[in-house]
Each structure stands twice: as structure tokens, then as C-alpha cells.
């Protein structure tokens, strides 16, 4: 699956097009695939979509309330919750948690932008990098911040965190 300026494409192993789905705006991130084969994809600033494996729309949610631009790929937890970037204004962006049916589970808004793909810890904790130099740990059950780790070296986090098999979190500036 790959996106372009307005569509998501399903490409067969032989290189031919299987189907395309009109997302509506630039697809600048990788889609995520659920256990049932549902493809979850974000557009750069308008929509969050769930597409069935045959290319038909399962649901489509307008994300225009945030007004921000996202390059964050959705992430799917073991319980099927989908996490993606979103927000409530140009200056407050955060993480949104959705049930597989498209219903919002919770929203965490933080000053600044959280515009990198979330990472999941061994216990399901969500880790995100904020533009105000914070690595943020989020409780997956309720979206509350567990802790923040700030850097003070005048640098910014410029990528997604990763978590190893011991639970250690790595991130670059």
C-alpha cells in the first residue's frame, strides 16, 4: 500500500494496481494494517480513513479541526486501538486514540506539536516526541500523561522514539 497526492493504492506483488481509494489529501505517511486486514491511513491534514482489504471505505473521519499538518503514521495496539496524531488548534497538537470502528476513545492535547509516529512500549504505554523537547509517556487506557522527559540542550526531537525488547526507549535530536 502506498499513497500519493490524494489516493491510497494497493499494488499487487507483480507490480500491477489492485485498487485505489480516494483519501482526499496528500498521503505522506505509511498506512497501518489491522489484524482483520483493515488499512488505516492518514492524509497530511484532512482525513483519517479505514479501508477494507478490497479497497472499499470502512469509515472516514475529518481531521480538519486541528488545522495542523501530520506526517505521522497510525499505530495499532494489540487490543486494536489505533493511535494517530491530531489536535484541537494550530498550537495544540497531540495523540488521538480510536476504536477499530472509528469512534474516538480519547484525545491528549499538548502545547506544541506531536508530529511523529507514536511508539508502543511492552506494557502498551504510548511514547511520543513533542516539539517542546519532551518525550511523553501516555497511559493507553485513558490518554493521561504518565511522565515527560525534557531535554535542555537546545535541540529538538526530530524523529519517533523506538522501544527495545527490554523496554528502553531511544530517540534522536
C-alpha atoms as a PDB file:
ATOM      1  CA  UNK A   1       0.000   0.000   0.000  1.00  0.00           C
ATOM      2  CA  UNK A   2       1.324   3.430  -0.956  1.00  0.00           C
ATOM      3  CA  UNK A   3      -0.131   6.917  -1.125  1.00  0.00           C
ATOM      4  CA  UNK A   4       0.320   9.942  -3.347  1.00  0.00           C
ATOM      5  CA  UNK A   5      -1.241  13.393  -3.523  1.00  0.00           C
ATOM      6  CA  UNK A   6      -4.848  12.218  -2.997  1.00  0.00           C
ATOM      7  CA  UNK A   7      -5.096   8.419  -3.191  1.00  0.00           C
ATOM      8  CA  UNK A   8      -4.082   5.217  -1.443  1.00  0.00           C
ATOM      9  CA  UNK A   9      -3.014   2.487  -3.873  1.00  0.00           C
ATOM     10  CA  UNK A  10      -2.930  -1.295  -3.405  1.00  0.00           C
ATOM     11  CA  UNK A  11      -0.182  -2.737  -5.577  1.00  0.00           C
ATOM     12  CA  UNK A  12      -0.095  -6.476  -6.266  1.00  0.00           C
ATOM     13  CA  UNK A  13       3.186  -8.425  -5.929  1.00  0.00           C
ATOM     14  CA  UNK A  14       3.520  -8.465  -9.746  1.00  0.00           C
ATOM     15  CA  UNK A  15       3.521  -4.633  -9.807  1.00  0.00           C
ATOM     16  CA  UNK A  16       0.001  -4.079 -11.101  1.00  0.00           C
ATOM     17  CA  UNK A  17      -2.642  -1.924  -9.482  1.00  0.00           C
ATOM     18  CA  UNK A  18      -5.280  -3.840  -7.496  1.00  0.00           C
ATOM     19  CA  UNK A  19      -7.348  -0.821  -6.414  1.00  0.00           C
ATOM     20  CA  UNK A  20      -7.148   2.809  -5.376  1.00  0.00           C
ATOM     21  CA  UNK A  21      -9.030   4.690  -2.675  1.00  0.00           C
ATOM     22  CA  UNK A  22      -9.549   8.472  -2.684  1.00  0.00           C
ATOM     23  CA  UNK A  23      -8.249   9.772   0.663  1.00  0.00           C
ATOM     24  CA  UNK A  24      -8.685  13.412  -0.326  1.00  0.00           C
ATOM     25  CA  UNK A  25      -5.331  14.961   0.539  1.00  0.00           C
ATOM     26  CA  UNK A  26      -1.641  14.066   0.480  1.00  0.00           C
ATOM     27  CA  UNK A  27      -0.804  10.687   1.992  1.00  0.00           C
ATOM     28  CA  UNK A  28       2.648  11.410   3.433  1.00  0.00           C
ATOM     29  CA  UNK A  29       2.908   8.512   5.861  1.00  0.00           C
ATOM     30  CA  UNK A  30       2.816   4.745   5.882  1.00  0.00           C
ATOM     31  CA  UNK A  31      -0.542   3.067   6.402  1.00  0.00           C
ATOM     32  CA  UNK A  32      -1.059   0.588   9.238  1.00  0.00           C
ATOM     33  CA  UNK A  33      -2.794  -2.761   8.779  1.00  0.00           C
ATOM     34  CA  UNK A  34      -5.070  -4.195  11.460  1.00  0.00           C
ATOM     35  CA  UNK A  35      -5.360  -7.866  12.383  1.00  0.00           C
ATOM     36  CA  UNK A  36      -8.523  -8.131  10.248  1.00  0.00           C
ATOM     37  CA  UNK A  37      -6.754  -6.621   7.213  1.00  0.00           C
ATOM     38  CA  UNK A  38      -8.237  -3.129   7.576  1.00  0.00           C
ATOM     39  CA  UNK A  39      -5.863  -0.476   6.259  1.00  0.00           C
ATOM     40  CA  UNK A  40      -5.662   2.715   8.341  1.00  0.00           C
ATOM     41  CA  UNK A  41      -4.246   5.787   6.611  1.00  0.00           C
ATOM     42  CA  UNK A  42      -3.858   9.478   7.428  1.00  0.00           C
ATOM     43  CA  UNK A  43      -3.758  12.318   4.979  1.00  0.00           C
ATOM     44  CA  UNK A  44      -1.443  15.218   5.621  1.00  0.00           C
ATOM     45  CA  UNK A  45      -4.099  17.457   7.194  1.00  0.00           C
ATOM     46  CA  UNK A  46      -7.648  16.392   6.407  1.00  0.00           C
ATOM     47  CA  UNK A  47      -8.682  12.779   6.934  1.00  0.00           C
ATOM     48  CA  UNK A  48      -8.146   9.597   8.901  1.00  0.00           C
ATOM     49  CA  UNK A  49      -9.537   6.600   7.000  1.00  0.00           C
ATOM     50  CA  UNK A  50     -10.170   2.900   7.450  1.00  0.00           C
ATOM     51  CA  UNK A  51     -10.214   0.954   4.198  1.00  0.00           C
ATOM     52  CA  UNK A  52     -11.323  -2.654   3.771  1.00  0.00           C
ATOM     53  CA  UNK A  53      -8.858  -5.061   2.110  1.00  0.00           C
ATOM     54  CA  UNK A  54     -10.938  -4.868  -1.107  1.00  0.00           C
ATOM     55  CA  UNK A  55     -10.475  -1.085  -1.315  1.00  0.00           C
ATOM     56  CA  UNK A  56     -13.923  -0.060  -0.083  1.00  0.00           C
ATOM     57  CA  UNK A  57     -14.319   2.536   2.633  1.00  0.00           C
ATOM     58  CA  UNK A  58     -14.988   1.307   6.146  1.00  0.00           C
ATOM     59  CA  UNK A  59     -15.029   4.813   7.673  1.00  0.00           C
ATOM     60  CA  UNK A  60     -13.545   8.248   7.110  1.00  0.00           C
ATOM     61  CA  UNK A  61     -13.102  10.944   9.766  1.00  0.00           C
ATOM     62  CA  UNK A  62     -12.418  14.612   9.098  1.00  0.00           C
ATOM     63  CA  UNK A  63      -9.324  15.755  10.979  1.00  0.00           C
ATOM     64  CA  UNK A  64      -9.608  19.395   9.909  1.00  0.00           C
ATOM     65  CA  UNK A  65     -10.313  20.701  13.414  1.00  0.00           C
ATOM     66  CA  UNK A  66      -6.611  20.559  14.182  1.00  0.00           C
ATOM     67  CA  UNK A  67      -5.551  22.672  11.252  1.00  0.00           C
ATOM     68  CA  UNK A  68      -2.065  21.216  11.576  1.00  0.00           C
ATOM     69  CA  UNK A  69      -0.071  19.093   9.203  1.00  0.00           C
ATOM     70  CA  UNK A  70       0.714  15.490  10.046  1.00  0.00           C
ATOM     71  CA  UNK A  71       3.354  13.142   8.725  1.00  0.00           C
ATOM     72  CA  UNK A  72       2.612  10.610  11.447  1.00  0.00           C
ATOM     73  CA  UNK A  73       1.690   7.047  10.579  1.00  0.00           C
ATOM     74  CA  UNK A  74      -1.072   5.394  12.590  1.00  0.00           C
ATOM     75  CA  UNK A  75      -0.034   2.700  15.086  1.00  0.00           C
ATOM     76  CA  UNK A  76      -2.213  -0.225  16.180  1.00  0.00           C
ATOM     77  CA  UNK A  77      -2.029  -1.709  19.676  1.00  0.00           C
ATOM     78  CA  UNK A  78      -2.628  -5.376  20.485  1.00  0.00           C
ATOM     79  CA  UNK A  79      -6.183  -4.584  21.642  1.00  0.00           C
ATOM     80  CA  UNK A  80      -6.951  -2.984  18.242  1.00  0.00           C
ATOM     81  CA  UNK A  81      -6.802   0.643  19.416  1.00  0.00           C
ATOM     82  CA  UNK A  82      -5.414   2.902  16.695  1.00  0.00           C
ATOM     83  CA  UNK A  83      -3.225   5.825  17.722  1.00  0.00           C
ATOM     84  CA  UNK A  84      -2.537   8.769  15.464  1.00  0.00           C
ATOM     85  CA  UNK A  85      -1.564  12.409  15.631  1.00  0.00           C
ATOM     86  CA  UNK A  86      -4.198  15.139  15.773  1.00  0.00           C
ATOM     87  CA  UNK A  87      -5.154  18.245  17.601  1.00  0.00           C
ATOM     88  CA  UNK A  88      -7.510  20.974  18.590  1.00  0.00           C
ATOM     89  CA  UNK A  89      -5.767  24.008  17.081  1.00  0.00           C
ATOM     90  CA  UNK A  90      -2.622  25.126  15.260  1.00  0.00           C
ATOM     91  CA  UNK A  91      -0.795  25.449  18.598  1.00  0.00           C
ATOM     92  CA  UNK A  92      -2.077  22.407  20.467  1.00  0.00           C
ATOM     93  CA  UNK A  93      -1.493  19.029  18.906  1.00  0.00           C
ATOM     94  CA  UNK A  94      -1.466  15.620  20.430  1.00  0.00           C
ATOM     95  CA  UNK A  95      -2.413  11.988  20.178  1.00  0.00           C
ATOM     96  CA  UNK A  96      -5.830  10.582  19.325  1.00  0.00           C
ATOM     97  CA  UNK A  97      -6.914   7.041  20.201  1.00  0.00           C
ATOM     98  CA  UNK A  98      -9.633   5.385  18.124  1.00  0.00           C
ATOM     99  CA  UNK A  99     -11.530   2.135  18.454  1.00  0.00           C
ATOM    100  CA  UNK A 100     -11.438  -0.011  15.273  1.00  0.00           C
ATOM    101  CA  UNK A 101     -14.976   1.204  14.422  1.00  0.00           C
ATOM    102  CA  UNK A 102     -13.728   4.806  14.156  1.00  0.00           C
ATOM    103  CA  UNK A 103     -15.138   6.006  17.473  1.00  0.00           C
ATOM    104  CA  UNK A 104     -12.817   8.310  19.420  1.00  0.00           C
ATOM    105  CA  UNK A 105     -11.543   6.633  22.596  1.00  0.00           C
ATOM    106  CA  UNK A 106      -9.599   9.606  23.979  1.00  0.00           C
ATOM    107  CA  UNK A 107      -7.602  12.656  22.952  1.00  0.00           C
ATOM    108  CA  UNK A 108      -4.456  14.027  24.540  1.00  0.00           C
ATOM    109  CA  UNK A 109      -3.693  17.641  23.672  1.00  0.00           C
ATOM    110  CA  UNK A 110      -0.307  19.115  24.456  1.00  0.00           C
ATOM    111  CA  UNK A 111       1.157  22.546  23.753  1.00  0.00           C
ATOM    112  CA  UNK A 112       3.211  22.442  20.584  1.00  0.00           C
ATOM    113  CA  UNK A 113       3.181  19.628  18.092  1.00  0.00           C
ATOM    114  CA  UNK A 114       3.417  15.900  18.399  1.00  0.00           C
ATOM    115  CA  UNK A 115       4.045  15.130  14.765  1.00  0.00           C
ATOM    116  CA  UNK A 116       5.966  11.878  14.791  1.00  0.00           C
ATOM    117  CA  UNK A 117       4.677   8.336  14.729  1.00  0.00           C
ATOM    118  CA  UNK A 118       3.869   7.053  18.230  1.00  0.00           C
ATOM    119  CA  UNK A 119       5.736   4.029  19.578  1.00  0.00           C
ATOM    120  CA  UNK A 120       4.301   1.381  21.865  1.00  0.00           C
ATOM    121  CA  UNK A 121       6.067   0.029  24.936  1.00  0.00           C
ATOM    122  CA  UNK A 122       5.998  -3.526  26.206  1.00  0.00           C
ATOM    123  CA  UNK A 123       3.133  -2.688  28.587  1.00  0.00           C
ATOM    124  CA  UNK A 124       1.191  -0.717  25.936  1.00  0.00           C
ATOM    125  CA  UNK A 125       2.445   2.707  27.032  1.00  0.00           C
ATOM    126  CA  UNK A 126       2.450   5.140  24.123  1.00  0.00           C
ATOM    127  CA  UNK A 127       5.637   7.161  23.620  1.00  0.00           C
ATOM    128  CA  UNK A 128       5.654  10.321  21.513  1.00  0.00           C
ATOM    129  CA  UNK A 129       8.069  13.144  20.840  1.00  0.00           C
ATOM    130  CA  UNK A 130       6.828  16.705  21.252  1.00  0.00           C
ATOM    131  CA  UNK A 131       8.320  19.782  19.667  1.00  0.00           C
ATOM    132  CA  UNK A 132       8.828  21.431  23.047  1.00  0.00           C
ATOM    133  CA  UNK A 133      11.693  18.996  23.706  1.00  0.00           C
ATOM    134  CA  UNK A 134       9.584  16.484  25.592  1.00  0.00           C
ATOM    135  CA  UNK A 135       9.483  12.728  25.315  1.00  0.00           C
ATOM    136  CA  UNK A 136       5.997  11.923  26.585  1.00  0.00           C
ATOM    137  CA  UNK A 137       4.725   8.611  28.015  1.00  0.00           C
ATOM    138  CA  UNK A 138       0.950   8.183  27.755  1.00  0.00           C
ATOM    139  CA  UNK A 139      -1.350   5.753  29.581  1.00  0.00           C
ATOM    140  CA  UNK A 140      -3.164   3.744  26.859  1.00  0.00           C
ATOM    141  CA  UNK A 141      -6.304   3.256  28.978  1.00  0.00           C
ATOM    142  CA  UNK A 142      -7.191   6.902  29.456  1.00  0.00           C
ATOM    143  CA  UNK A 143      -4.774   9.090  27.491  1.00  0.00           C
ATOM    144  CA  UNK A 144      -3.282  10.719  30.571  1.00  0.00           C
ATOM    145  CA  UNK A 145       0.395  11.653  30.640  1.00  0.00           C
ATOM    146  CA  UNK A 146       2.412   9.223  32.793  1.00  0.00           C
ATOM    147  CA  UNK A 147       5.589  11.278  32.585  1.00  0.00           C
ATOM    148  CA  UNK A 148       7.591  13.674  30.423  1.00  0.00           C
ATOM    149  CA  UNK A 149      11.321  13.734  29.868  1.00  0.00           C
ATOM    150  CA  UNK A 150      12.594  17.097  28.651  1.00  0.00           C
ATOM    151  CA  UNK A 151      15.926  17.844  27.086  1.00  0.00           C
ATOM    152  CA  UNK A 152      17.614  21.175  27.695  1.00  0.00           C
ATOM    153  CA  UNK A 153      20.471  21.103  25.202  1.00  0.00           C
ATOM    154  CA  UNK A 154      18.796  23.479  22.752  1.00  0.00           C
ATOM    155  CA  UNK A 155      17.945  20.558  20.497  1.00  0.00           C
ATOM    156  CA  UNK A 156      14.602  19.240  19.335  1.00  0.00           C
ATOM    157  CA  UNK A 157      13.346  15.712  18.923  1.00  0.00           C
ATOM    158  CA  UNK A 158      13.168  15.155  15.170  1.00  0.00           C
ATOM    159  CA  UNK A 159      12.000  11.551  14.967  1.00  0.00           C
ATOM    160  CA  UNK A 160       9.858   8.870  16.533  1.00  0.00           C
ATOM    161  CA  UNK A 161      11.022   7.038  19.627  1.00  0.00           C
ATOM    162  CA  UNK A 162      11.686   3.301  19.471  1.00  0.00           C
ATOM    163  CA  UNK A 163      11.458   0.790  22.301  1.00  0.00           C
ATOM    164  CA  UNK A 164      13.685  -2.278  22.551  1.00  0.00           C
ATOM    165  CA  UNK A 165      12.856  -5.722  23.988  1.00  0.00           C
ATOM    166  CA  UNK A 166      13.995  -4.564  27.449  1.00  0.00           C
ATOM    167  CA  UNK A 167      11.651  -1.558  27.404  1.00  0.00           C
ATOM    168  CA  UNK A 168      14.421   1.007  26.918  1.00  0.00           C
ATOM    169  CA  UNK A 169      13.338   3.993  24.834  1.00  0.00           C
ATOM    170  CA  UNK A 170      15.644   5.530  22.223  1.00  0.00           C
ATOM    171  CA  UNK A 171      15.166   8.838  20.433  1.00  0.00           C
ATOM    172  CA  UNK A 172      17.356  11.224  18.477  1.00  0.00           C
ATOM    173  CA  UNK A 173      17.596  15.004  18.348  1.00  0.00           C
END
